[in-house]
Amino acid sequence: MRYRAFDHRTGLRVSEYALGTANFGTGWGAGAEPDEARRIFDRFAEAGGHLPRQRRQLPRSPRRPAHR
């Protein structure tokens, strides 16, 4: 795994790849079950990754148009 500077002022370095976690869990009717999500995350960490990407905003409803 390669790393990059996240912020040049602090010297914080993060992995070049982030692990998207949008498909962790099955609350939306699809996605990885907890055991499978744990295996995916563990493999990412074993490869040197340490930047999971979480989405704080819920997806829009298909009936509600995007704001422009």
PDB file of N, CA and C in Angstrom:
ATOM      1  N   MET A   1       0.857  -1.177   0.000  1.00  0.00           N
ATOM      2  CA  MET A   1       0.000   0.000   0.000  1.00  0.00           C
ATOM      3  C   MET A   1       0.898   1.232   0.000  1.00  0.00           C
ATOM      4  N   ARG A   2       0.560   2.183  -0.840  1.00  0.00           N
ATOM      5  CA  ARG A   2       1.287   3.448  -0.860  1.00  0.00           C
ATOM      6  C   ARG A   2       0.510   4.469  -0.027  1.00  0.00           C
ATOM      7  N   TYR A   3       1.237   5.452   0.476  1.00  0.00           N
ATOM      8  CA  TYR A   3       0.643   6.464   1.334  1.00  0.00           C
ATOM      9  C   TYR A   3       0.912   7.850   0.773  1.00  0.00           C
ATOM     10  N   ARG A   4       0.018   8.767   1.092  1.00  0.00           N
ATOM     11  CA  ARG A   4       0.147  10.170   0.679  1.00  0.00           C
ATOM     12  C   ARG A   4      -0.051  11.074   1.886  1.00  0.00           C
ATOM     13  N   ALA A   5       0.461  12.294   1.755  1.00  0.00           N
ATOM     14  CA  ALA A   5       0.240  13.281   2.810  1.00  0.00           C
ATOM     15  C   ALA A   5      -1.211  13.743   2.757  1.00  0.00           C
ATOM     16  N   PHE A   6      -1.897  13.648   3.856  1.00  0.00           N
ATOM     17  CA  PHE A   6      -3.275  14.111   3.946  1.00  0.00           C
ATOM     18  C   PHE A   6      -3.309  15.614   4.164  1.00  0.00           C
ATOM     19  N   ASP A   7      -2.391  16.078   4.970  1.00  0.00           N
ATOM     20  CA  ASP A   7      -2.293  17.493   5.293  1.00  0.00           C
ATOM     21  C   ASP A   7      -0.812  17.809   5.491  1.00  0.00           C
ATOM     22  N   HIS A   8      -0.269  18.656   4.660  1.00  0.00           N
ATOM     23  CA  HIS A   8       1.161  18.956   4.725  1.00  0.00           C
ATOM     24  C   HIS A   8       1.556  19.655   6.020  1.00  0.00           C
ATOM     25  N   ARG A   9       0.611  20.328   6.647  1.00  0.00           N
ATOM     26  CA  ARG A   9       0.939  21.045   7.890  1.00  0.00           C
ATOM     27  C   ARG A   9       1.135  20.097   9.068  1.00  0.00           C
ATOM     28  N   THR A  10       0.382  18.990   9.103  1.00  0.00           N
ATOM     29  CA  THR A  10       0.467  18.074  10.240  1.00  0.00           C
ATOM     30  C   THR A  10       1.364  16.881   9.971  1.00  0.00           C
ATOM     31  N   GLY A  11       1.612  16.588   8.694  1.00  0.00           N
ATOM     32  CA  GLY A  11       2.414  15.421   8.358  1.00  0.00           C
ATOM     33  C   GLY A  11       1.619  14.117   8.384  1.00  0.00           C
ATOM     34  N   LEU A  12       0.312  14.208   8.550  1.00  0.00           N
ATOM     35  CA  LEU A  12      -0.527  13.013   8.574  1.00  0.00           C
ATOM     36  C   LEU A  12      -0.491  12.334   7.215  1.00  0.00           C
ATOM     37  N   ARG A  13      -0.223  11.030   7.217  1.00  0.00           N
ATOM     38  CA  ARG A  13      -0.166  10.266   5.978  1.00  0.00           C
ATOM     39  C   ARG A  13      -1.274   9.216   5.999  1.00  0.00           C
ATOM     40  N   VAL A  14      -1.915   9.048   4.857  1.00  0.00           N
ATOM     41  CA  VAL A  14      -3.017   8.089   4.740  1.00  0.00           C
ATOM     42  C   VAL A  14      -2.775   7.205   3.525  1.00  0.00           C
ATOM     43  N   SER A  15      -3.410   6.049   3.527  1.00  0.00           N
ATOM     44  CA  SER A  15      -3.284   5.141   2.393  1.00  0.00           C
ATOM     45  C   SER A  15      -3.885   5.784   1.145  1.00  0.00           C
ATOM     46  N   GLU A  16      -3.324   5.448  -0.027  1.00  0.00           N
ATOM     47  CA  GLU A  16      -3.829   6.017  -1.283  1.00  0.00           C
ATOM     48  C   GLU A  16      -5.244   5.549  -1.579  1.00  0.00           C
ATOM     49  N   TYR A  17      -5.600   4.396  -1.094  1.00  0.00           N
ATOM     50  CA  TYR A  17      -6.924   3.856  -1.343  1.00  0.00           C
ATOM     51  C   TYR A  17      -7.783   3.968  -0.100  1.00  0.00           C
ATOM     52  N   ALA A  18      -9.027   4.344  -0.304  1.00  0.00           N
ATOM     53  CA  ALA A  18     -10.000   4.376   0.788  1.00  0.00           C
ATOM     54  C   ALA A  18     -10.966   3.213   0.579  1.00  0.00           C
ATOM     55  N   LEU A  19     -11.460   2.675   1.647  1.00  0.00           N
ATOM     56  CA  LEU A  19     -12.415   1.580   1.571  1.00  0.00           C
ATOM     57  C   LEU A  19     -13.814   2.154   1.701  1.00  0.00           C
ATOM     58  N   GLY A  20     -14.583   2.093   0.632  1.00  0.00           N
ATOM     59  CA  GLY A  20     -15.968   2.556   0.673  1.00  0.00           C
ATOM     60  C   GLY A  20     -16.816   1.590   1.482  1.00  0.00           C
ATOM     61  N   THR A  21     -17.565   2.104   2.424  1.00  0.00           N
ATOM     62  CA  THR A  21     -18.354   1.245   3.312  1.00  0.00           C
ATOM     63  C   THR A  21     -19.849   1.348   3.046  1.00  0.00           C
ATOM     64  N   ALA A  22     -20.236   1.937   1.928  1.00  0.00           N
ATOM     65  CA  ALA A  22     -21.657   2.116   1.630  1.00  0.00           C
ATOM     66  C   ALA A  22     -22.407   0.795   1.540  1.00  0.00           C
ATOM     67  N   ASN A  23     -21.731  -0.264   1.132  1.00  0.00           N
ATOM     68  CA  ASN A  23     -22.391  -1.555   0.992  1.00  0.00           C
ATOM     69  C   ASN A  23     -22.186  -2.469   2.192  1.00  0.00           C
ATOM     70  N   PHE A  24     -21.756  -1.907   3.307  1.00  0.00           N
ATOM     71  CA  PHE A  24     -21.653  -2.698   4.535  1.00  0.00           C
ATOM     72  C   PHE A  24     -23.014  -2.661   5.209  1.00  0.00           C
ATOM     73  N   GLY A  25     -23.584  -3.815   5.426  1.00  0.00           N
ATOM     74  CA  GLY A  25     -24.914  -3.895   6.033  1.00  0.00           C
ATOM     75  C   GLY A  25     -25.960  -4.121   4.962  1.00  0.00           C
ATOM     76  N   THR A  26     -27.091  -4.630   5.383  1.00  0.00           N
ATOM     77  CA  THR A  26     -28.154  -4.978   4.435  1.00  0.00           C
ATOM     78  C   THR A  26     -29.432  -4.197   4.710  1.00  0.00           C
ATOM     79  N   GLY A  27     -29.341  -3.105   5.413  1.00  0.00           N
ATOM     80  CA  GLY A  27     -30.514  -2.313   5.765  1.00  0.00           C
ATOM     81  C   GLY A  27     -31.278  -1.759   4.575  1.00  0.00           C
ATOM     82  N   TRP A  28     -30.627  -1.617   3.432  1.00  0.00           N
ATOM     83  CA  TRP A  28     -31.282  -1.089   2.235  1.00  0.00           C
ATOM     84  C   TRP A  28     -31.720  -2.209   1.297  1.00  0.00           C
ATOM     85  N   GLY A  29     -31.622  -3.453   1.762  1.00  0.00           N
ATOM     86  CA  GLY A  29     -32.064  -4.576   0.947  1.00  0.00           C
ATOM     87  C   GLY A  29     -30.944  -5.266   0.187  1.00  0.00           C
ATOM     88  N   ALA A  30     -29.746  -4.731   0.213  1.00  0.00           N
ATOM     89  CA  ALA A  30     -28.605  -5.350  -0.451  1.00  0.00           C
ATOM     90  C   ALA A  30     -27.344  -4.941   0.295  1.00  0.00           C
ATOM     91  N   GLY A  31     -26.281  -5.668   0.082  1.00  0.00           N
ATOM     92  CA  GLY A  31     -25.018  -5.316   0.712  1.00  0.00           C
ATOM     93  C   GLY A  31     -24.418  -6.493   1.449  1.00  0.00           C
ATOM     94  N   ALA A  32     -23.284  -6.253   2.099  1.00  0.00           N
ATOM     95  CA  ALA A  32     -22.536  -7.293   2.794  1.00  0.00           C
ATOM     96  C   ALA A  32     -23.100  -7.519   4.194  1.00  0.00           C
ATOM     97  N   GLU A  33     -23.277  -8.775   4.523  1.00  0.00           N
ATOM     98  CA  GLU A  33     -23.655  -9.156   5.886  1.00  0.00           C
ATOM     99  C   GLU A  33     -22.490  -8.806   6.823  1.00  0.00           C
ATOM    100  N   PRO A  34     -22.735  -8.678   8.132  1.00  0.00           N
ATOM    101  CA  PRO A  34     -21.667  -8.270   9.058  1.00  0.00           C
ATOM    102  C   PRO A  34     -20.398  -9.120   8.978  1.00  0.00           C
ATOM    103  N   ASP A  35     -20.519 -10.442   8.874  1.00  0.00           N
ATOM    104  CA  ASP A  35     -19.318 -11.287   8.806  1.00  0.00           C
ATOM    105  C   ASP A  35     -18.517 -11.020   7.536  1.00  0.00           C
ATOM    106  N   GLU A  36     -19.210 -10.850   6.427  1.00  0.00           N
ATOM    107  CA  GLU A  36     -18.526 -10.568   5.166  1.00  0.00           C
ATOM    108  C   GLU A  36     -17.893  -9.182   5.200  1.00  0.00           C
ATOM    109  N   ALA A  37     -18.601  -8.201   5.755  1.00  0.00           N
ATOM    110  CA  ALA A  37     -18.055  -6.847   5.873  1.00  0.00           C
ATOM    111  C   ALA A  37     -16.794  -6.857   6.726  1.00  0.00           C
ATOM    112  N   ARG A  38     -16.781  -7.629   7.795  1.00  0.00           N
ATOM    113  CA  ARG A  38     -15.596  -7.731   8.667  1.00  0.00           C
ATOM    114  C   ARG A  38     -14.429  -8.327   7.889  1.00  0.00           C
ATOM    115  N   ARG A  39     -14.672  -9.360   7.081  1.00  0.00           N
ATOM    116  CA  ARG A  39     -13.599  -9.969   6.281  1.00  0.00           C
ATOM    117  C   ARG A  39     -13.036  -8.957   5.272  1.00  0.00           C
ATOM    118  N   ILE A  40     -13.910  -8.190   4.647  1.00  0.00           N
ATOM    119  CA  ILE A  40     -13.464  -7.177   3.690  1.00  0.00           C
ATOM    120  C   ILE A  40     -12.602  -6.127   4.396  1.00  0.00           C
ATOM    121  N   PHE A  41     -13.088  -5.645   5.533  1.00  0.00           N
ATOM    122  CA  PHE A  41     -12.341  -4.629   6.275  1.00  0.00           C
ATOM    123  C   PHE A  41     -11.003  -5.172   6.768  1.00  0.00           C
ATOM    124  N   ASP A  42     -10.999  -6.398   7.295  1.00  0.00           N
ATOM    125  CA  ASP A  42      -9.752  -6.986   7.789  1.00  0.00           C
ATOM    126  C   ASP A  42      -8.727  -7.130   6.669  1.00  0.00           C
ATOM    127  N   ARG A  43      -9.165  -7.546   5.491  1.00  0.00           N
ATOM    128  CA  ARG A  43      -8.240  -7.693   4.357  1.00  0.00           C
ATOM    129  C   ARG A  43      -7.673  -6.333   3.950  1.00  0.00           C
ATOM    130  N   PHE A  44      -8.511  -5.302   3.961  1.00  0.00           N
ATOM    131  CA  PHE A  44      -8.065  -3.946   3.658  1.00  0.00           C
ATOM    132  C   PHE A  44      -6.995  -3.504   4.659  1.00  0.00           C
ATOM    133  N   ALA A  45      -7.239  -3.744   5.940  1.00  0.00           N
ATOM    134  CA  ALA A  45      -6.277  -3.363   6.977  1.00  0.00           C
ATOM    135  C   ALA A  45      -4.980  -4.166   6.854  1.00  0.00           C
ATOM    136  N   GLU A  46      -5.080  -5.451   6.553  1.00  0.00           N
ATOM    137  CA  GLU A  46      -3.888  -6.283   6.380  1.00  0.00           C
ATOM    138  C   GLU A  46      -3.025  -5.782   5.225  1.00  0.00           C
ATOM    139  N   ALA A  47      -3.658  -5.227   4.197  1.00  0.00           N
ATOM    140  CA  ALA A  47      -2.930  -4.694   3.044  1.00  0.00           C
ATOM    141  C   ALA A  47      -2.309  -3.333   3.342  1.00  0.00           C
ATOM    142  N   GLY A  48      -2.585  -2.779   4.530  1.00  0.00           N
ATOM    143  CA  GLY A  48      -2.002  -1.502   4.919  1.00  0.00           C
ATOM    144  C   GLY A  48      -2.955  -0.331   4.821  1.00  0.00           C
ATOM    145  N   GLY A  49      -4.185  -0.585   4.435  1.00  0.00           N
ATOM    146  CA  GLY A  49      -5.163   0.494   4.336  1.00  0.00           C
ATOM    147  C   GLY A  49      -5.655   0.926   5.705  1.00  0.00           C
ATOM    148  N   HIS A  50      -5.908   2.198   5.850  1.00  0.00           N
ATOM    149  CA  HIS A  50      -6.440   2.700   7.128  1.00  0.00           C
ATOM    150  C   HIS A  50      -7.320   3.926   6.927  1.00  0.00           C
ATOM    151  N   LEU A  51      -8.009   3.983   5.782  1.00  0.00           N
ATOM    152  CA  LEU A  51      -8.857   5.132   5.501  1.00  0.00           C
ATOM    153  C   LEU A  51     -10.233   4.650   5.046  1.00  0.00           C
ATOM    154  N   PRO A  52     -11.059   4.174   5.989  1.00  0.00           N
ATOM    155  CA  PRO A  52     -12.420   3.797   5.579  1.00  0.00           C
ATOM    156  C   PRO A  52     -13.214   5.049   5.237  1.00  0.00           C
ATOM    157  N   ARG A  53     -14.026   4.963   4.228  1.00  0.00           N
ATOM    158  CA  ARG A  53     -14.836   6.101   3.777  1.00  0.00           C
ATOM    159  C   ARG A  53     -16.274   5.841   4.179  1.00  0.00           C
ATOM    160  N   GLN A  54     -16.811   6.703   5.003  1.00  0.00           N
ATOM    161  CA  GLN A  54     -18.192   6.583   5.445  1.00  0.00           C
ATOM    162  C   GLN A  54     -19.020   7.690   4.833  1.00  0.00           C
ATOM    163  N   ARG A  55     -20.241   7.368   4.531  1.00  0.00           N
ATOM    164  CA  ARG A  55     -21.157   8.366   3.999  1.00  0.00           C
ATOM    165  C   ARG A  55     -22.056   8.837   5.125  1.00  0.00           C
ATOM    166  N   ARG A  56     -22.052  10.104   5.399  1.00  0.00           N
ATOM    167  CA  ARG A  56     -22.862  10.644   6.492  1.00  0.00           C
ATOM    168  C   ARG A  56     -24.267  11.006   6.040  1.00  0.00           C
ATOM    169  N   GLN A  57     -24.451  11.206   4.759  1.00  0.00           N
ATOM    170  CA  GLN A  57     -25.748  11.604   4.231  1.00  0.00           C
ATOM    171  C   GLN A  57     -26.463  10.376   3.681  1.00  0.00           C
ATOM    172  N   LEU A  58     -27.725  10.235   3.990  1.00  0.00           N
ATOM    173  CA  LEU A  58     -28.493   9.123   3.469  1.00  0.00           C
ATOM    174  C   LEU A  58     -28.759   9.329   1.981  1.00  0.00           C
ATOM    175  N   PRO A  59     -28.827   8.240   1.224  1.00  0.00           N
ATOM    176  CA  PRO A  59     -29.139   8.389  -0.205  1.00  0.00           C
ATOM    177  C   PRO A  59     -30.515   9.013  -0.397  1.00  0.00           C
ATOM    178  N   ARG A  60     -30.668   9.737  -1.506  1.00  0.00           N
ATOM    179  CA  ARG A  60     -31.949  10.342  -1.821  1.00  0.00           C
ATOM    180  C   ARG A  60     -32.966   9.268  -2.188  1.00  0.00           C
ATOM    181  N   SER A  61     -34.174   9.538  -1.904  1.00  0.00           N
ATOM    182  CA  SER A  61     -35.270   8.674  -2.329  1.00  0.00           C
ATOM    183  C   SER A  61     -35.404   8.769  -3.841  1.00  0.00           C
ATOM    184  N   PRO A  62     -35.684   7.651  -4.531  1.00  0.00           N
ATOM    185  CA  PRO A  62     -35.833   7.727  -5.985  1.00  0.00           C
ATOM    186  C   PRO A  62     -36.973   8.674  -6.394  1.00  0.00           C
ATOM    187  N   ARG A  63     -37.915   8.930  -5.505  1.00  0.00           N
ATOM    188  CA  ARG A  63     -39.039   9.816  -5.820  1.00  0.00           C
ATOM    189  C   ARG A  63     -38.708  11.279  -5.624  1.00  0.00           C
ATOM    190  N   ARG A  64     -37.609  11.569  -4.950  1.00  0.00           N
ATOM    191  CA  ARG A  64     -37.247  12.951  -4.650  1.00  0.00           C
ATOM    192  C   ARG A  64     -36.088  13.399  -5.541  1.00  0.00           C
ATOM    193  N   PRO A  65     -36.277  14.436  -6.364  1.00  0.00           N
ATOM    194  CA  PRO A  65     -35.199  14.863  -7.275  1.00  0.00           C
ATOM    195  C   PRO A  65     -34.027  15.487  -6.507  1.00  0.00           C
ATOM    196  N   ALA A  66     -32.864  15.453  -7.111  1.00  0.00           N
ATOM    197  CA  ALA A  66     -31.691  16.064  -6.523  1.00  0.00           C
ATOM    198  C   ALA A  66     -31.832  17.577  -6.531  1.00  0.00           C
ATOM    199  N   HIS A  67     -31.237  18.243  -5.533  1.00  0.00           N
ATOM    200  CA  HIS A  67     -31.222  19.710  -5.488  1.00  0.00           C
ATOM    201  C   HIS A  67     -30.222  20.217  -6.508  1.00  0.00           C
ATOM    202  N   ARG A  68     -30.569  21.308  -7.154  1.00  0.00           N
ATOM    203  CA  ARG A  68     -29.654  21.888  -8.138  1.00  0.00           C
ATOM    204  C   ARG A  68     -29.317  23.300  -7.786  1.00  0.00           C
TER     205      ARG A  68
END
